[in-house]
All heavy atoms as atom14 arrays in JSON, in Angstrom:
{
  "sequence": "APKPDIFQEEVKQILLQTLQEEVSEFVKSFEPPNDKK",
  "atom14_mask": [
    [1, 1, 1, 1, 1, 0, 0, 0, 0, 0, 0, 0, 0, 0],
    [1, 1, 1, 1, 1, 1, 1, 0, 0, 0, 0, 0, 0, 0],
    [1, 1, 1, 1, 1, 1, 1, 1, 1, 0, 0, 0, 0, 0],
    [1, 1, 1, 1, 1, 1, 1, 0, 0, 0, 0, 0, 0, 0],
    [1, 1, 1, 1, 1, 1, 1, 1, 0, 0, 0, 0, 0, 0],
    [1, 1, 1, 1, 1, 1, 1, 1, 0, 0, 0, 0, 0, 0],
    [1, 1, 1, 1, 1, 1, 1, 1, 1, 1, 1, 0, 0, 0],
    [1, 1, 1, 1, 1, 1, 1, 1, 1, 0, 0, 0, 0, 0],
    [1, 1, 1, 1, 1, 1, 1, 1, 1, 0, 0, 0, 0, 0],
    [1, 1, 1, 1, 1, 1, 1, 1, 1, 0, 0, 0, 0, 0],
    [1, 1, 1, 1, 1, 1, 1, 0, 0, 0, 0, 0, 0, 0],
    [1, 1, 1, 1, 1, 1, 1, 1, 1, 0, 0, 0, 0, 0],
    [1, 1, 1, 1, 1, 1, 1, 1, 1, 0, 0, 0, 0, 0],
    [1, 1, 1, 1, 1, 1, 1, 1, 0, 0, 0, 0, 0, 0],
    [1, 1, 1, 1, 1, 1, 1, 1, 0, 0, 0, 0, 0, 0],
    [1, 1, 1, 1, 1, 1, 1, 1, 0, 0, 0, 0, 0, 0],
    [1, 1, 1, 1, 1, 1, 1, 1, 1, 0, 0, 0, 0, 0],
    [1, 1, 1, 1, 1, 1, 1, 0, 0, 0, 0, 0, 0, 0],
    [1, 1, 1, 1, 1, 1, 1, 1, 0, 0, 0, 0, 0, 0],
    [1, 1, 1, 1, 1, 1, 1, 1, 1, 0, 0, 0, 0, 0],
    [1, 1, 1, 1, 1, 1, 1, 1, 1, 0, 0, 0, 0, 0],
    [1, 1, 1, 1, 1, 1, 1, 1, 1, 0, 0, 0, 0, 0],
    [1, 1, 1, 1, 1, 1, 1, 0, 0, 0, 0, 0, 0, 0],
    [1, 1, 1, 1, 1, 1, 0, 0, 0, 0, 0, 0, 0, 0],
    [1, 1, 1, 1, 1, 1, 1, 1, 1, 0, 0, 0, 0, 0],
    [1, 1, 1, 1, 1, 1, 1, 1, 1, 1, 1, 0, 0, 0],
    [1, 1, 1, 1, 1, 1, 1, 0, 0, 0, 0, 0, 0, 0],
    [1, 1, 1, 1, 1, 1, 1, 1, 1, 0, 0, 0, 0, 0],
    [1, 1, 1, 1, 1, 1, 0, 0, 0, 0, 0, 0, 0, 0],
    [1, 1, 1, 1, 1, 1, 1, 1, 1, 1, 1, 0, 0, 0],
    [1, 1, 1, 1, 1, 1, 1, 1, 1, 0, 0, 0, 0, 0],
    [1, 1, 1, 1, 1, 1, 1, 0, 0, 0, 0, 0, 0, 0],
    [1, 1, 1, 1, 1, 1, 1, 0, 0, 0, 0, 0, 0, 0],
    [1, 1, 1, 1, 1, 1, 1, 1, 0, 0, 0, 0, 0, 0],
    [1, 1, 1, 1, 1, 1, 1, 1, 0, 0, 0, 0, 0, 0],
    [1, 1, 1, 1, 1, 1, 1, 1, 1, 0, 0, 0, 0, 0],
    [1, 1, 1, 1, 1, 1, 1, 1, 1, 0, 0, 0, 0, 0]
  ],
  "atom14_positions": [
    [[116.47, 111.17, 107.99], [115.93, 111.68, 109.25], [116.74, 111.07, 110.39], [116.3, 110.13, 111.05], [114.46, 111.33, 109.39], [0.0, 0.0, 0.0], [0.0, 0.0, 0.0], [0.0, 0.0, 0.0], [0.0, 0.0, 0.0], [0.0, 0.0, 0.0], [0.0, 0.0, 0.0], [0.0, 0.0, 0.0], [0.0, 0.0, 0.0], [0.0, 0.0, 0.0]],
    [[117.95, 111.56, 110.62], [118.87, 110.89, 111.55], [118.46, 111.0, 113.01], [117.75, 111.93, 113.4], [120.19, 111.62, 111.3], [119.78, 112.98, 110.87], [118.52, 112.78, 110.06], [0.0, 0.0, 0.0], [0.0, 0.0, 0.0], [0.0, 0.0, 0.0], [0.0, 0.0, 0.0], [0.0, 0.0, 0.0], [0.0, 0.0, 0.0], [0.0, 0.0, 0.0]],
    [[118.92, 110.06, 113.78], [118.78, 110.09, 115.23], [119.93, 110.95, 115.8], [120.72, 111.5, 115.04], [118.86, 108.66, 115.78], [117.88, 107.69, 115.11], [116.64, 107.54, 115.91], [115.69, 106.47, 115.41], [115.71, 106.1, 114.02], [0.0, 0.0, 0.0], [0.0, 0.0, 0.0], [0.0, 0.0, 0.0], [0.0, 0.0, 0.0], [0.0, 0.0, 0.0]],
    [[120.04, 111.05, 117.12], [121.12, 111.88, 117.71], [122.5, 111.5, 117.19], [122.77, 110.34, 116.89], [120.98, 111.59, 119.21], [119.54, 111.25, 119.39], [119.14, 110.51, 118.15], [0.0, 0.0, 0.0], [0.0, 0.0, 0.0], [0.0, 0.0, 0.0], [0.0, 0.0, 0.0], [0.0, 0.0, 0.0], [0.0, 0.0, 0.0], [0.0, 0.0, 0.0]],
    [[123.36, 112.47, 117.1], [124.7, 112.31, 116.54], [125.62, 111.69, 117.6], [126.22, 112.4, 118.41], [125.23, 113.67, 116.09], [126.51, 113.57, 115.29], [126.95, 112.42, 115.02], [127.08, 114.62, 114.94], [0.0, 0.0, 0.0], [0.0, 0.0, 0.0], [0.0, 0.0, 0.0], [0.0, 0.0, 0.0], [0.0, 0.0, 0.0], [0.0, 0.0, 0.0]],
    [[125.73, 110.36, 117.58], [126.52, 109.69, 118.61], [127.7, 108.9, 118.04], [128.48, 108.31, 118.79], [125.64, 108.72, 119.43], [125.06, 107.62, 118.53], [124.54, 109.47, 120.16], [124.3, 106.56, 119.3], [0.0, 0.0, 0.0], [0.0, 0.0, 0.0], [0.0, 0.0, 0.0], [0.0, 0.0, 0.0], [0.0, 0.0, 0.0], [0.0, 0.0, 0.0]],
    [[127.83, 108.88, 116.71], [128.88, 108.07, 116.08], [130.05, 108.94, 115.64], [129.88, 110.13, 115.32], [128.32, 107.32, 114.87], [127.3, 106.28, 115.21], [125.97, 106.46, 114.89], [127.67, 105.1, 115.87], [125.02, 105.5, 115.21], [126.74, 104.15, 116.2], [125.4, 104.34, 115.87], [0.0, 0.0, 0.0], [0.0, 0.0, 0.0], [0.0, 0.0, 0.0]],
    [[131.23, 108.32, 115.58], [132.39, 109.01, 115.04], [132.2, 109.26, 113.55], [131.4, 108.6, 112.89], [133.66, 108.17, 115.26], [134.01, 107.97, 116.74], [135.23, 107.1, 116.91], [135.69, 106.45, 115.97], [135.77, 107.07, 118.13], [0.0, 0.0, 0.0], [0.0, 0.0, 0.0], [0.0, 0.0, 0.0], [0.0, 0.0, 0.0], [0.0, 0.0, 0.0]],
    [[132.92, 110.24, 113.02], [132.76, 110.65, 111.63], [132.95, 109.49, 110.67], [132.22, 109.37, 109.67], [133.75, 111.78, 111.31], [133.57, 112.39, 109.93], [132.21, 113.06, 109.76], [131.65, 113.55, 110.77], [131.71, 113.09, 108.62], [0.0, 0.0, 0.0], [0.0, 0.0, 0.0], [0.0, 0.0, 0.0], [0.0, 0.0, 0.0], [0.0, 0.0, 0.0]],
    [[133.91, 108.62, 110.94], [134.18, 107.48, 110.06], [132.96, 106.57, 109.95], [132.57, 106.13, 108.87], [135.38, 106.68, 110.58], [135.73, 105.48, 109.72], [136.88, 104.68, 110.3], [137.42, 105.08, 111.37], [137.26, 103.67, 109.69], [0.0, 0.0, 0.0], [0.0, 0.0, 0.0], [0.0, 0.0, 0.0], [0.0, 0.0, 0.0], [0.0, 0.0, 0.0]],
    [[132.31, 106.29, 111.09], [131.12, 105.44, 111.11], [129.96, 106.13, 110.41], [129.2, 105.51, 109.66], [130.73, 105.06, 112.55], [129.45, 104.24, 112.57], [131.86, 104.29, 113.22], [0.0, 0.0, 0.0], [0.0, 0.0, 0.0], [0.0, 0.0, 0.0], [0.0, 0.0, 0.0], [0.0, 0.0, 0.0], [0.0, 0.0, 0.0], [0.0, 0.0, 0.0]],
    [[129.81, 107.44, 110.62], [128.74, 108.2, 109.98], [128.83, 108.1, 108.46], [127.83, 107.92, 107.76], [128.8, 109.66, 110.41], [128.3, 109.9, 111.82], [128.67, 111.29, 112.33], [128.19, 112.39, 111.42], [128.55, 113.73, 111.96], [0.0, 0.0, 0.0], [0.0, 0.0, 0.0], [0.0, 0.0, 0.0], [0.0, 0.0, 0.0], [0.0, 0.0, 0.0]],
    [[130.04, 108.21, 107.93], [130.22, 108.14, 106.49], [129.9, 106.74, 105.95], [129.34, 106.59, 104.86], [131.65, 108.54, 106.12], [131.97, 110.01, 106.38], [130.99, 110.94, 105.68], [130.65, 110.77, 104.52], [130.53, 111.95, 106.42], [0.0, 0.0, 0.0], [0.0, 0.0, 0.0], [0.0, 0.0, 0.0], [0.0, 0.0, 0.0], [0.0, 0.0, 0.0]],
    [[130.25, 105.71, 106.72], [129.93, 104.34, 106.31], [128.42, 104.15, 106.28], [127.86, 103.57, 105.34], [130.58, 103.32, 107.27], [132.1, 103.36, 107.15], [130.06, 101.91, 107.0], [132.82, 102.5, 108.15], [0.0, 0.0, 0.0], [0.0, 0.0, 0.0], [0.0, 0.0, 0.0], [0.0, 0.0, 0.0], [0.0, 0.0, 0.0], [0.0, 0.0, 0.0]],
    [[127.71, 104.67, 107.3], [126.25, 104.55, 107.34], [125.61, 105.27, 106.16], [124.67, 104.76, 105.53], [125.71, 105.11, 108.65], [126.02, 104.3, 109.92], [125.5, 105.03, 111.16], [125.43, 102.91, 109.84], [0.0, 0.0, 0.0], [0.0, 0.0, 0.0], [0.0, 0.0, 0.0], [0.0, 0.0, 0.0], [0.0, 0.0, 0.0], [0.0, 0.0, 0.0]],
    [[126.1, 106.45, 105.83], [125.54, 107.2, 104.7], [125.76, 106.47, 103.39], [124.88, 106.43, 102.53], [126.17, 108.6, 104.64], [125.71, 109.59, 105.72], [126.58, 110.84, 105.72], [124.25, 109.96, 105.51], [0.0, 0.0, 0.0], [0.0, 0.0, 0.0], [0.0, 0.0, 0.0], [0.0, 0.0, 0.0], [0.0, 0.0, 0.0], [0.0, 0.0, 0.0]],
    [[126.94, 105.88, 103.22], [127.23, 105.16, 101.99], [126.38, 103.89, 101.87], [125.82, 103.6, 100.81], [128.73, 104.79, 101.94], [129.14, 103.98, 100.7], [128.87, 104.71, 99.4], [129.05, 105.93, 99.33], [128.42, 103.99, 98.38], [0.0, 0.0, 0.0], [0.0, 0.0, 0.0], [0.0, 0.0, 0.0], [0.0, 0.0, 0.0], [0.0, 0.0, 0.0]],
    [[126.29, 103.15, 102.95], [125.49, 101.92, 102.91], [124.0, 102.24, 102.75], [123.27, 101.47, 102.12], [125.7, 101.07, 104.17], [125.48, 101.88, 105.35], [127.11, 100.52, 104.22], [0.0, 0.0, 0.0], [0.0, 0.0, 0.0], [0.0, 0.0, 0.0], [0.0, 0.0, 0.0], [0.0, 0.0, 0.0], [0.0, 0.0, 0.0], [0.0, 0.0, 0.0]],
    [[123.55, 103.37, 103.29], [122.16, 103.78, 103.09], [121.88, 104.02, 101.61], [120.86, 103.6, 101.08], [121.85, 105.04, 103.89], [120.46, 105.64, 103.64], [119.36, 104.66, 103.99], [120.29, 106.94, 104.42], [0.0, 0.0, 0.0], [0.0, 0.0, 0.0], [0.0, 0.0, 0.0], [0.0, 0.0, 0.0], [0.0, 0.0, 0.0], [0.0, 0.0, 0.0]],
    [[122.81, 104.69, 100.93], [122.62, 104.95, 99.51], [122.56, 103.64, 98.72], [121.75, 103.49, 97.8], [123.73, 105.84, 98.97], [123.53, 106.21, 97.5], [124.35, 107.41, 97.09], [124.63, 108.28, 97.9], [124.73, 107.46, 95.83], [0.0, 0.0, 0.0], [0.0, 0.0, 0.0], [0.0, 0.0, 0.0], [0.0, 0.0, 0.0], [0.0, 0.0, 0.0]],
    [[123.41, 102.68, 99.08], [123.39, 101.37, 98.42], [122.06, 100.68, 98.66], [121.48, 100.07, 97.75], [124.54, 100.51, 98.93], [125.92, 101.03, 98.56], [127.03, 100.26, 99.25], [126.72, 99.29, 99.98], [128.2, 100.63, 99.09], [0.0, 0.0, 0.0], [0.0, 0.0, 0.0], [0.0, 0.0, 0.0], [0.0, 0.0, 0.0], [0.0, 0.0, 0.0]],
    [[121.55, 100.78, 99.9], [120.29, 100.11, 100.22], [119.12, 100.78, 99.51], [118.2, 100.1, 99.03], [120.07, 100.12, 101.74], [118.97, 99.18, 102.18], [118.9, 99.03, 103.68], [119.53, 99.83, 104.4], [118.19, 98.12, 104.13], [0.0, 0.0, 0.0], [0.0, 0.0, 0.0], [0.0, 0.0, 0.0], [0.0, 0.0, 0.0], [0.0, 0.0, 0.0]],
    [[119.13, 102.1, 99.43], [118.09, 102.82, 98.7], [118.1, 102.42, 97.24], [117.05, 102.19, 96.63], [118.27, 104.35, 98.85], [117.37, 105.1, 97.86], [117.96, 104.78, 100.27], [0.0, 0.0, 0.0], [0.0, 0.0, 0.0], [0.0, 0.0, 0.0], [0.0, 0.0, 0.0], [0.0, 0.0, 0.0], [0.0, 0.0, 0.0], [0.0, 0.0, 0.0]],
    [[119.28, 102.31, 96.66], [119.4, 101.92, 95.25], [118.8, 100.54, 95.01], [118.04, 100.34, 94.06], [120.87, 101.95, 94.82], [121.01, 101.56, 93.48], [0.0, 0.0, 0.0], [0.0, 0.0, 0.0], [0.0, 0.0, 0.0], [0.0, 0.0, 0.0], [0.0, 0.0, 0.0], [0.0, 0.0, 0.0], [0.0, 0.0, 0.0], [0.0, 0.0, 0.0]],
    [[119.13, 99.57, 95.87], [118.59, 98.22, 95.73], [117.07, 98.22, 95.94], [116.34, 97.5, 95.26], [119.26, 97.28, 96.73], [120.73, 97.02, 96.43], [121.37, 96.1, 97.44], [120.61, 95.53, 98.27], [122.6, 95.94, 97.43], [0.0, 0.0, 0.0], [0.0, 0.0, 0.0], [0.0, 0.0, 0.0], [0.0, 0.0, 0.0], [0.0, 0.0, 0.0]],
    [[116.62, 99.04, 96.87], [115.19, 99.1, 97.16], [114.4, 99.64, 95.97], [113.37, 99.1, 95.6], [114.97, 99.98, 98.4], [113.57, 99.95, 98.93], [113.09, 98.85, 99.59], [112.73, 101.04, 98.77], [111.8, 98.81, 100.1], [111.43, 101.03, 99.26], [110.97, 99.9, 99.93], [0.0, 0.0, 0.0], [0.0, 0.0, 0.0], [0.0, 0.0, 0.0]],
    [[114.91, 100.71, 95.37], [114.24, 101.29, 94.21], [114.18, 100.29, 93.06], [113.17, 100.17, 92.36], [114.96, 102.59, 93.76], [114.39, 103.09, 92.44], [114.82, 103.67, 94.83], [0.0, 0.0, 0.0], [0.0, 0.0, 0.0], [0.0, 0.0, 0.0], [0.0, 0.0, 0.0], [0.0, 0.0, 0.0], [0.0, 0.0, 0.0], [0.0, 0.0, 0.0]],
    [[115.26, 99.53, 92.88], [115.31, 98.54, 91.8], [114.3, 97.42, 92.0], [113.93, 96.74, 91.04], [116.72, 97.93, 91.7], [117.72, 98.8, 90.99], [118.95, 98.02, 90.54], [119.64, 97.33, 91.69], [120.88, 96.64, 91.24], [0.0, 0.0, 0.0], [0.0, 0.0, 0.0], [0.0, 0.0, 0.0], [0.0, 0.0, 0.0], [0.0, 0.0, 0.0]],
    [[113.83, 97.21, 93.23], [112.89, 96.12, 93.48], [111.48, 96.43, 92.98], [110.62, 95.56, 93.0], [112.85, 95.8, 94.98], [112.24, 96.84, 95.72], [0.0, 0.0, 0.0], [0.0, 0.0, 0.0], [0.0, 0.0, 0.0], [0.0, 0.0, 0.0], [0.0, 0.0, 0.0], [0.0, 0.0, 0.0], [0.0, 0.0, 0.0], [0.0, 0.0, 0.0]],
    [[111.23, 97.66, 92.53], [109.94, 98.06, 91.98], [110.05, 98.32, 90.49], [111.09, 98.77, 90.01], [109.43, 99.34, 92.66], [109.13, 99.19, 94.12], [110.09, 99.49, 95.07], [107.9, 98.75, 94.56], [109.83, 99.36, 96.42], [107.62, 98.61, 95.91], [108.58, 98.91, 96.84], [0.0, 0.0, 0.0], [0.0, 0.0, 0.0], [0.0, 0.0, 0.0]],
    [[108.98, 98.05, 89.78], [108.92, 98.44, 88.37], [108.84, 99.97, 88.29], [108.11, 100.59, 89.06], [107.7, 97.83, 87.69], [107.76, 96.31, 87.54], [108.83, 95.87, 86.56], [109.11, 96.65, 85.62], [109.4, 94.79, 86.76], [0.0, 0.0, 0.0], [0.0, 0.0, 0.0], [0.0, 0.0, 0.0], [0.0, 0.0, 0.0], [0.0, 0.0, 0.0]],
    [[109.57, 100.61, 87.36], [109.52, 102.07, 87.25], [108.08, 102.55, 86.99], [107.41, 102.02, 86.11], [110.42, 102.37, 86.04], [111.31, 101.18, 85.93], [110.5, 100.01, 86.4], [0.0, 0.0, 0.0], [0.0, 0.0, 0.0], [0.0, 0.0, 0.0], [0.0, 0.0, 0.0], [0.0, 0.0, 0.0], [0.0, 0.0, 0.0], [0.0, 0.0, 0.0]],
    [[107.59, 103.52, 87.76], [106.21, 104.0, 87.57], [106.07, 104.81, 86.28], [106.91, 105.67, 85.99], [105.97, 104.87, 88.8], [107.34, 105.33, 89.22], [108.28, 104.2, 88.87], [0.0, 0.0, 0.0], [0.0, 0.0, 0.0], [0.0, 0.0, 0.0], [0.0, 0.0, 0.0], [0.0, 0.0, 0.0], [0.0, 0.0, 0.0], [0.0, 0.0, 0.0]],
    [[105.03, 104.53, 85.52], [104.79, 105.25, 84.27], [104.06, 106.57, 84.47], [104.13, 107.46, 83.63], [103.99, 104.37, 83.3], [104.76, 103.14, 82.88], [105.96, 103.21, 82.63], [104.08, 102.0, 82.81], [0.0, 0.0, 0.0], [0.0, 0.0, 0.0], [0.0, 0.0, 0.0], [0.0, 0.0, 0.0], [0.0, 0.0, 0.0], [0.0, 0.0, 0.0]],
    [[103.33, 106.68, 85.57], [102.58, 107.91, 85.83], [102.4, 108.08, 87.33], [102.86, 107.26, 88.12], [101.21, 107.87, 85.12], [100.44, 106.59, 85.42], [100.47, 106.12, 86.59], [99.81, 106.04, 84.5], [0.0, 0.0, 0.0], [0.0, 0.0, 0.0], [0.0, 0.0, 0.0], [0.0, 0.0, 0.0], [0.0, 0.0, 0.0], [0.0, 0.0, 0.0]],
    [[101.72, 109.15, 87.72], [101.57, 109.46, 89.15], [100.71, 108.43, 89.87], [100.9, 108.15, 91.05], [100.97, 110.86, 89.32], [102.0, 111.97, 89.27], [101.5, 113.2, 90.01], [102.66, 114.13, 90.33], [102.23, 115.27, 91.16], [0.0, 0.0, 0.0], [0.0, 0.0, 0.0], [0.0, 0.0, 0.0], [0.0, 0.0, 0.0], [0.0, 0.0, 0.0]],
    [[99.73, 107.85, 89.16], [98.88, 106.84, 89.79], [99.71, 105.62, 90.19], [99.59, 105.12, 91.31], [97.75, 106.44, 88.84], [96.81, 105.41, 89.43], [95.7, 105.04, 88.46], [94.78, 103.99, 89.06], [93.72, 103.58, 88.12], [0.0, 0.0, 0.0], [0.0, 0.0, 0.0], [0.0, 0.0, 0.0], [0.0, 0.0, 0.0], [0.0, 0.0, 0.0]]
  ]
}
């Protein structure tokens, strides 16, 4: 859910890549859910 587009393309790509790395680490911090509950 990005904010206004104010960064150069190079910076935007770095932010997207680091976001994916952070999401990956965040997901790993939880035990995998066995069911919807």
